[in-house]
Amino acid sequence: MSSRIPDDVIVVSAVVLRGADGAVLTVRKRGTTRFMFPGGKPEAGETAVQTAVRETREELDVELDIDLLTYLGTFTTAAANESRTLVHATVFTYPLPLTNAAPSAEIAEIRWQRVEDGEFRERTDLAPLLAEAVFPALTS
């Protein structure tokens, strides 16, 4: 059995970042309508956790301590912005509250999303990775 990922799957790393009140930081990239986690595709030779740290730095101008990231899981869902494509995401959590995030690079907007109250289930502007996989995992 091959472990090769098909061409219609995008491999990414992402980070769940929380504010002091427990809300989760989501980002919307320029030219898109759905909010997702900070993160992205690996560069050659990067591990999943290194990708998560680099992408967070690029997208939010925030430096994470790589040693504090904790593996949450690997999830596969429909991609948010590409039809008939899946996203295969390795997701990490960060334990320290984030207070200084600002949109950078391709990020047009950031939004803090409450998760524990289940309000995310009513939103139609969240990436499937968040709404169908990670947010339910965070509340179970």
N, C-alpha and C. Protein backbone atom coordinates (compact mmCIF):
# COMPACT_ATOMS: atom_id res chain seq x y z
N MET A 1 0.84 -1.18 0.00
CA MET A 1 0.00 0.00 0.00
C MET A 1 0.89 1.25 0.00
N SER A 2 0.60 2.19 -0.88
CA SER A 2 1.41 3.40 -1.01
C SER A 2 0.97 4.45 0.00
N SER A 3 1.95 5.19 0.52
CA SER A 3 1.61 6.27 1.44
C SER A 3 1.60 7.61 0.70
N ARG A 4 1.75 7.57 -0.63
CA ARG A 4 1.74 8.79 -1.43
C ARG A 4 0.37 9.45 -1.34
N ILE A 5 0.38 10.78 -1.18
CA ILE A 5 -0.86 11.54 -1.11
C ILE A 5 -1.23 11.97 -2.52
N PRO A 6 -2.47 11.74 -2.94
CA PRO A 6 -2.88 12.10 -4.30
C PRO A 6 -2.72 13.59 -4.58
N ASP A 7 -2.66 13.95 -5.88
CA ASP A 7 -2.47 15.33 -6.29
C ASP A 7 -3.61 16.24 -5.87
N ASP A 8 -4.81 15.71 -5.62
CA ASP A 8 -5.94 16.56 -5.26
C ASP A 8 -6.05 16.74 -3.75
N VAL A 9 -4.93 16.56 -3.05
CA VAL A 9 -4.87 16.77 -1.61
C VAL A 9 -3.77 17.79 -1.32
N ILE A 10 -4.13 18.81 -0.56
CA ILE A 10 -3.17 19.83 -0.15
C ILE A 10 -2.70 19.48 1.26
N VAL A 11 -1.40 19.37 1.46
CA VAL A 11 -0.83 19.06 2.77
C VAL A 11 -0.44 20.38 3.44
N VAL A 12 -0.93 20.58 4.66
CA VAL A 12 -0.64 21.81 5.40
C VAL A 12 -0.39 21.51 6.87
N SER A 13 0.17 22.50 7.55
CA SER A 13 0.26 22.51 9.01
C SER A 13 -0.50 23.73 9.48
N ALA A 14 -1.13 23.64 10.65
CA ALA A 14 -1.90 24.75 11.19
C ALA A 14 -1.77 24.77 12.70
N VAL A 15 -2.10 25.95 13.28
CA VAL A 15 -1.97 26.12 14.73
C VAL A 15 -3.26 26.70 15.30
N VAL A 16 -3.72 26.10 16.40
CA VAL A 16 -4.83 26.65 17.18
C VAL A 16 -4.21 27.60 18.20
N LEU A 17 -4.52 28.89 18.04
CA LEU A 17 -4.03 29.92 18.95
C LEU A 17 -5.23 30.51 19.68
N ARG A 18 -5.09 30.71 20.97
CA ARG A 18 -6.19 31.25 21.77
C ARG A 18 -5.82 32.60 22.39
N GLY A 19 -6.84 33.40 22.61
CA GLY A 19 -6.68 34.65 23.32
C GLY A 19 -6.84 34.41 24.80
N ALA A 20 -6.67 35.46 25.59
CA ALA A 20 -6.79 35.35 27.05
C ALA A 20 -8.17 34.88 27.47
N ASP A 21 -9.20 35.16 26.68
CA ASP A 21 -10.57 34.74 27.00
C ASP A 21 -10.92 33.36 26.47
N GLY A 22 -9.97 32.68 25.82
CA GLY A 22 -10.18 31.34 25.31
C GLY A 22 -10.65 31.28 23.88
N ALA A 23 -10.99 32.40 23.27
CA ALA A 23 -11.42 32.41 21.87
C ALA A 23 -10.26 31.99 20.97
N VAL A 24 -10.59 31.37 19.85
CA VAL A 24 -9.60 30.86 18.92
C VAL A 24 -9.40 31.85 17.78
N LEU A 25 -8.15 32.10 17.44
CA LEU A 25 -7.83 33.02 16.37
C LEU A 25 -8.03 32.34 15.02
N THR A 26 -8.78 32.99 14.13
CA THR A 26 -8.94 32.52 12.76
C THR A 26 -8.50 33.63 11.82
N VAL A 27 -8.13 33.24 10.61
CA VAL A 27 -7.66 34.21 9.62
C VAL A 27 -8.41 34.00 8.30
N ARG A 28 -8.54 35.10 7.57
CA ARG A 28 -9.10 35.03 6.21
C ARG A 28 -8.06 35.59 5.26
N LYS A 29 -7.71 34.78 4.27
CA LYS A 29 -6.71 35.21 3.30
C LYS A 29 -7.35 36.13 2.25
N ARG A 30 -6.55 37.04 1.71
CA ARG A 30 -7.04 37.94 0.67
C ARG A 30 -7.67 37.15 -0.47
N GLY A 31 -8.80 37.62 -0.97
CA GLY A 31 -9.45 36.99 -2.10
C GLY A 31 -10.29 35.78 -1.74
N THR A 32 -10.46 35.50 -0.45
CA THR A 32 -11.26 34.36 -0.02
C THR A 32 -12.36 34.83 0.93
N THR A 33 -13.30 33.93 1.20
CA THR A 33 -14.42 34.28 2.08
C THR A 33 -14.46 33.46 3.36
N ARG A 34 -13.66 32.43 3.45
CA ARG A 34 -13.71 31.56 4.62
C ARG A 34 -12.55 31.78 5.58
N PHE A 35 -12.87 31.67 6.87
CA PHE A 35 -11.86 31.80 7.91
C PHE A 35 -11.25 30.44 8.20
N MET A 36 -9.96 30.43 8.48
CA MET A 36 -9.21 29.20 8.74
C MET A 36 -8.18 29.47 9.81
N PHE A 37 -7.38 28.48 10.13
CA PHE A 37 -6.29 28.66 11.08
C PHE A 37 -5.08 29.24 10.37
N PRO A 38 -4.22 29.92 11.12
CA PRO A 38 -2.93 30.28 10.53
C PRO A 38 -2.19 29.00 10.18
N GLY A 39 -1.52 29.01 9.07
CA GLY A 39 -0.78 27.82 8.65
C GLY A 39 -0.63 27.79 7.15
N GLY A 40 -0.05 26.71 6.66
CA GLY A 40 0.14 26.59 5.23
C GLY A 40 0.98 25.39 4.85
N LYS A 41 1.43 25.42 3.62
CA LYS A 41 2.16 24.31 3.03
C LYS A 41 3.62 24.31 3.47
N PRO A 42 4.19 23.11 3.62
CA PRO A 42 5.60 23.02 4.01
C PRO A 42 6.53 23.40 2.87
N GLU A 43 7.68 23.93 3.27
CA GLU A 43 8.77 24.15 2.32
C GLU A 43 9.65 22.91 2.35
N ALA A 44 10.49 22.75 1.36
CA ALA A 44 11.35 21.57 1.25
C ALA A 44 12.15 21.37 2.54
N GLY A 45 12.08 20.16 3.08
CA GLY A 45 12.86 19.79 4.25
C GLY A 45 12.24 20.17 5.59
N GLU A 46 11.12 20.87 5.59
CA GLU A 46 10.49 21.28 6.85
C GLU A 46 9.66 20.15 7.45
N THR A 47 9.67 20.07 8.77
CA THR A 47 8.74 19.19 9.46
C THR A 47 7.41 19.91 9.59
N ALA A 48 6.38 19.21 9.99
CA ALA A 48 5.06 19.82 10.16
C ALA A 48 5.10 20.92 11.21
N VAL A 49 5.79 20.71 12.30
CA VAL A 49 5.84 21.71 13.37
C VAL A 49 6.65 22.93 12.93
N GLN A 50 7.72 22.73 12.19
CA GLN A 50 8.49 23.86 11.66
C GLN A 50 7.64 24.70 10.70
N THR A 51 6.84 24.03 9.89
CA THR A 51 5.95 24.73 8.97
C THR A 51 4.96 25.58 9.74
N ALA A 52 4.39 25.02 10.80
CA ALA A 52 3.41 25.76 11.61
C ALA A 52 4.01 27.03 12.19
N VAL A 53 5.22 26.94 12.70
CA VAL A 53 5.89 28.10 13.29
C VAL A 53 6.20 29.14 12.22
N ARG A 54 6.75 28.72 11.10
CA ARG A 54 7.10 29.66 10.03
C ARG A 54 5.86 30.37 9.49
N GLU A 55 4.81 29.60 9.22
CA GLU A 55 3.59 30.19 8.66
C GLU A 55 2.95 31.18 9.63
N THR A 56 2.98 30.88 10.92
CA THR A 56 2.43 31.80 11.92
C THR A 56 3.23 33.10 11.94
N ARG A 57 4.53 32.98 11.84
CA ARG A 57 5.38 34.17 11.79
C ARG A 57 5.06 35.00 10.54
N GLU A 58 4.93 34.35 9.40
CA GLU A 58 4.66 35.07 8.15
C GLU A 58 3.28 35.71 8.14
N GLU A 59 2.28 35.00 8.63
CA GLU A 59 0.89 35.46 8.52
C GLU A 59 0.45 36.40 9.63
N LEU A 60 1.06 36.28 10.81
CA LEU A 60 0.61 37.08 11.96
C LEU A 60 1.70 37.90 12.62
N ASP A 61 2.92 37.78 12.12
CA ASP A 61 4.06 38.47 12.70
C ASP A 61 4.22 38.10 14.18
N VAL A 62 4.04 36.80 14.47
CA VAL A 62 4.14 36.27 15.83
C VAL A 62 5.16 35.13 15.82
N GLU A 63 6.07 35.15 16.78
CA GLU A 63 7.06 34.09 16.90
C GLU A 63 6.63 33.12 17.99
N LEU A 64 6.35 31.88 17.60
CA LEU A 64 5.96 30.85 18.55
C LEU A 64 7.18 30.07 19.02
N ASP A 65 7.16 29.63 20.26
CA ASP A 65 8.20 28.75 20.78
C ASP A 65 7.86 27.33 20.32
N ILE A 66 8.67 26.81 19.41
CA ILE A 66 8.40 25.50 18.80
C ILE A 66 8.26 24.40 19.86
N ASP A 67 8.97 24.53 20.97
CA ASP A 67 8.93 23.51 22.01
C ASP A 67 7.61 23.49 22.78
N LEU A 68 6.81 24.54 22.65
CA LEU A 68 5.52 24.60 23.35
C LEU A 68 4.35 24.09 22.52
N LEU A 69 4.57 23.87 21.24
CA LEU A 69 3.48 23.36 20.40
C LEU A 69 3.18 21.91 20.75
N THR A 70 1.89 21.59 20.79
CA THR A 70 1.44 20.24 21.09
C THR A 70 0.62 19.73 19.92
N TYR A 71 0.92 18.52 19.50
CA TYR A 71 0.18 17.88 18.40
C TYR A 71 -1.26 17.63 18.83
N LEU A 72 -2.21 18.15 18.06
CA LEU A 72 -3.64 17.91 18.32
C LEU A 72 -4.15 16.74 17.49
N GLY A 73 -3.74 16.68 16.23
CA GLY A 73 -4.19 15.60 15.36
C GLY A 73 -3.95 15.93 13.91
N THR A 74 -4.23 14.93 13.07
CA THR A 74 -4.16 15.10 11.63
C THR A 74 -5.55 14.88 11.09
N PHE A 75 -6.04 15.82 10.32
CA PHE A 75 -7.42 15.83 9.86
C PHE A 75 -7.45 16.02 8.35
N THR A 76 -8.40 15.35 7.70
CA THR A 76 -8.60 15.52 6.26
C THR A 76 -10.04 15.91 6.02
N THR A 77 -10.22 17.05 5.35
CA THR A 77 -11.56 17.57 5.02
C THR A 77 -11.51 18.19 3.64
N ALA A 78 -12.67 18.65 3.18
CA ALA A 78 -12.71 19.41 1.94
C ALA A 78 -11.87 20.68 2.12
N ALA A 79 -11.19 21.08 1.07
CA ALA A 79 -10.44 22.34 1.11
C ALA A 79 -11.41 23.51 1.09
N ALA A 80 -11.06 24.58 1.75
CA ALA A 80 -11.95 25.73 1.88
C ALA A 80 -12.12 26.50 0.57
N ASN A 81 -11.07 26.62 -0.21
CA ASN A 81 -11.10 27.53 -1.34
C ASN A 81 -10.81 26.87 -2.69
N GLU A 82 -10.73 25.55 -2.72
CA GLU A 82 -10.45 24.85 -3.97
C GLU A 82 -11.43 23.69 -4.11
N SER A 83 -12.26 23.76 -5.13
CA SER A 83 -13.29 22.72 -5.31
C SER A 83 -12.64 21.39 -5.67
N ARG A 84 -13.28 20.33 -5.25
CA ARG A 84 -12.85 18.95 -5.50
C ARG A 84 -11.42 18.68 -5.04
N THR A 85 -11.05 19.33 -3.95
CA THR A 85 -9.71 19.17 -3.38
C THR A 85 -9.87 18.95 -1.88
N LEU A 86 -9.00 18.11 -1.34
CA LEU A 86 -8.99 17.86 0.10
C LEU A 86 -7.80 18.58 0.72
N VAL A 87 -7.93 18.90 2.00
CA VAL A 87 -6.80 19.41 2.76
C VAL A 87 -6.48 18.37 3.84
N HIS A 88 -5.20 18.04 3.94
CA HIS A 88 -4.70 17.07 4.91
C HIS A 88 -3.83 17.89 5.88
N ALA A 89 -4.39 18.20 7.05
CA ALA A 89 -3.77 19.15 7.97
C ALA A 89 -3.25 18.50 9.23
N THR A 90 -2.01 18.79 9.55
CA THR A 90 -1.44 18.44 10.84
C THR A 90 -1.63 19.68 11.71
N VAL A 91 -2.37 19.52 12.80
CA VAL A 91 -2.78 20.67 13.61
C VAL A 91 -2.14 20.58 14.99
N PHE A 92 -1.64 21.74 15.43
CA PHE A 92 -1.01 21.86 16.73
C PHE A 92 -1.77 22.88 17.57
N THR A 93 -1.62 22.80 18.87
CA THR A 93 -2.16 23.82 19.77
C THR A 93 -0.98 24.53 20.42
N TYR A 94 -1.23 25.76 20.83
CA TYR A 94 -0.22 26.56 21.51
C TYR A 94 -0.79 26.97 22.86
N PRO A 95 -0.07 26.75 23.97
CA PRO A 95 -0.67 26.93 25.29
C PRO A 95 -0.75 28.36 25.81
N LEU A 96 0.05 29.26 25.26
CA LEU A 96 0.08 30.62 25.78
C LEU A 96 -0.94 31.50 25.07
N PRO A 97 -1.63 32.36 25.80
CA PRO A 97 -2.58 33.28 25.16
C PRO A 97 -1.85 34.23 24.21
N LEU A 98 -2.46 34.46 23.09
CA LEU A 98 -1.89 35.36 22.08
C LEU A 98 -2.52 36.73 22.23
N THR A 99 -1.69 37.75 22.29
CA THR A 99 -2.23 39.11 22.48
C THR A 99 -1.77 40.08 21.41
N ASN A 100 -0.84 39.68 20.56
CA ASN A 100 -0.23 40.64 19.65
C ASN A 100 -0.32 40.26 18.18
N ALA A 101 -1.30 39.51 17.76
CA ALA A 101 -1.41 39.09 16.36
C ALA A 101 -1.90 40.24 15.49
N ALA A 102 -1.33 40.34 14.29
CA ALA A 102 -1.76 41.34 13.32
C ALA A 102 -1.69 40.71 11.93
N PRO A 103 -2.67 40.98 11.08
CA PRO A 103 -2.63 40.42 9.73
C PRO A 103 -1.36 40.82 8.99
N SER A 104 -0.73 39.86 8.33
CA SER A 104 0.49 40.10 7.59
C SER A 104 0.47 39.20 6.35
N ALA A 105 1.40 39.39 5.44
CA ALA A 105 1.51 38.60 4.22
C ALA A 105 0.16 38.56 3.50
N GLU A 106 -0.37 37.36 3.26
CA GLU A 106 -1.62 37.22 2.49
C GLU A 106 -2.88 37.31 3.36
N ILE A 107 -2.74 37.59 4.62
CA ILE A 107 -3.90 37.63 5.53
C ILE A 107 -4.60 38.99 5.42
N ALA A 108 -5.90 38.94 5.11
CA ALA A 108 -6.70 40.16 4.99
C ALA A 108 -7.35 40.54 6.31
N GLU A 109 -7.68 39.51 7.13
CA GLU A 109 -8.47 39.77 8.33
C GLU A 109 -8.24 38.67 9.36
N ILE A 110 -8.27 39.04 10.64
CA ILE A 110 -8.28 38.04 11.70
C ILE A 110 -9.59 38.18 12.47
N ARG A 111 -10.04 37.07 13.03
CA ARG A 111 -11.26 37.10 13.83
C ARG A 111 -11.10 36.07 14.96
N TRP A 112 -11.55 36.46 16.14
CA TRP A 112 -11.55 35.56 17.29
C TRP A 112 -12.88 34.83 17.32
N GLN A 113 -12.84 33.51 17.39
CA GLN A 113 -14.03 32.67 17.33
C GLN A 113 -14.22 31.92 18.63
N ARG A 114 -15.38 32.08 19.25
CA ARG A 114 -15.73 31.28 20.42
C ARG A 114 -15.98 29.85 19.94
N VAL A 115 -15.53 28.89 20.72
CA VAL A 115 -15.68 27.49 20.33
C VAL A 115 -16.54 26.72 21.32
N GLU A 116 -16.27 26.88 22.61
CA GLU A 116 -16.95 26.06 23.62
C GLU A 116 -18.46 26.24 23.63
N ASP A 117 -18.96 27.39 23.23
CA ASP A 117 -20.41 27.60 23.24
C ASP A 117 -21.11 27.00 22.02
N GLY A 118 -20.35 26.45 21.08
CA GLY A 118 -20.92 25.80 19.90
C GLY A 118 -21.40 26.76 18.84
N GLU A 119 -21.21 28.06 19.02
CA GLU A 119 -21.68 29.06 18.07
C GLU A 119 -21.08 28.84 16.68
N PHE A 120 -19.90 28.23 16.61
CA PHE A 120 -19.25 27.99 15.33
C PHE A 120 -20.09 27.12 14.40
N ARG A 121 -20.97 26.29 14.98
CA ARG A 121 -21.80 25.41 14.15
C ARG A 121 -22.78 26.18 13.27
N GLU A 122 -23.09 27.40 13.65
CA GLU A 122 -24.03 28.23 12.90
C GLU A 122 -23.34 29.06 11.81
N ARG A 123 -22.04 29.13 11.83
CA ARG A 123 -21.30 29.98 10.88
C ARG A 123 -21.18 29.28 9.53
N THR A 124 -21.30 30.04 8.48
CA THR A 124 -21.13 29.49 7.12
C THR A 124 -19.84 29.99 6.49
N ASP A 125 -19.06 30.78 7.23
CA ASP A 125 -17.83 31.34 6.67
C ASP A 125 -16.57 30.72 7.27
N LEU A 126 -16.69 29.53 7.84
CA LEU A 126 -15.53 28.82 8.37
C LEU A 126 -15.10 27.73 7.40
N ALA A 127 -13.80 27.52 7.30
CA ALA A 127 -13.27 26.42 6.50
C ALA A 127 -13.77 25.10 7.08
N PRO A 128 -14.03 24.11 6.21
CA PRO A 128 -14.47 22.80 6.71
C PRO A 128 -13.53 22.20 7.75
N LEU A 129 -12.23 22.43 7.62
CA LEU A 129 -11.28 21.90 8.61
C LEU A 129 -11.64 22.36 10.02
N LEU A 130 -12.03 23.61 10.17
CA LEU A 130 -12.40 24.15 11.48
C LEU A 130 -13.76 23.62 11.91
N ALA A 131 -14.76 23.85 11.08
CA ALA A 131 -16.16 23.56 11.46
C ALA A 131 -16.44 22.07 11.60
N GLU A 132 -15.83 21.25 10.77
CA GLU A 132 -16.16 19.82 10.75
C GLU A 132 -15.20 18.93 11.53
N ALA A 133 -13.99 19.43 11.77
CA ALA A 133 -12.99 18.54 12.37
C ALA A 133 -12.37 19.12 13.66
N VAL A 134 -11.69 20.24 13.57
CA VAL A 134 -10.88 20.70 14.70
C VAL A 134 -11.74 21.29 15.82
N PHE A 135 -12.68 22.17 15.49
CA PHE A 135 -13.52 22.73 16.56
C PHE A 135 -14.29 21.64 17.30
N PRO A 136 -14.88 20.67 16.61
CA PRO A 136 -15.51 19.57 17.37
C PRO A 136 -14.50 18.80 18.24
N ALA A 137 -13.28 18.63 17.75
CA ALA A 137 -12.26 17.93 18.55
C ALA A 137 -11.89 18.74 19.79
N LEU A 138 -11.90 20.06 19.67
CA LEU A 138 -11.56 20.90 20.81
C LEU A 138 -12.66 20.91 21.87
N THR A 139 -13.89 20.62 21.47
CA THR A 139 -15.02 20.68 22.41
C THR A 139 -15.44 19.31 22.92
N SER A 140 -14.81 18.25 22.45
CA SER A 140 -15.22 16.91 22.90
C SER A 140 -14.48 16.47 24.13
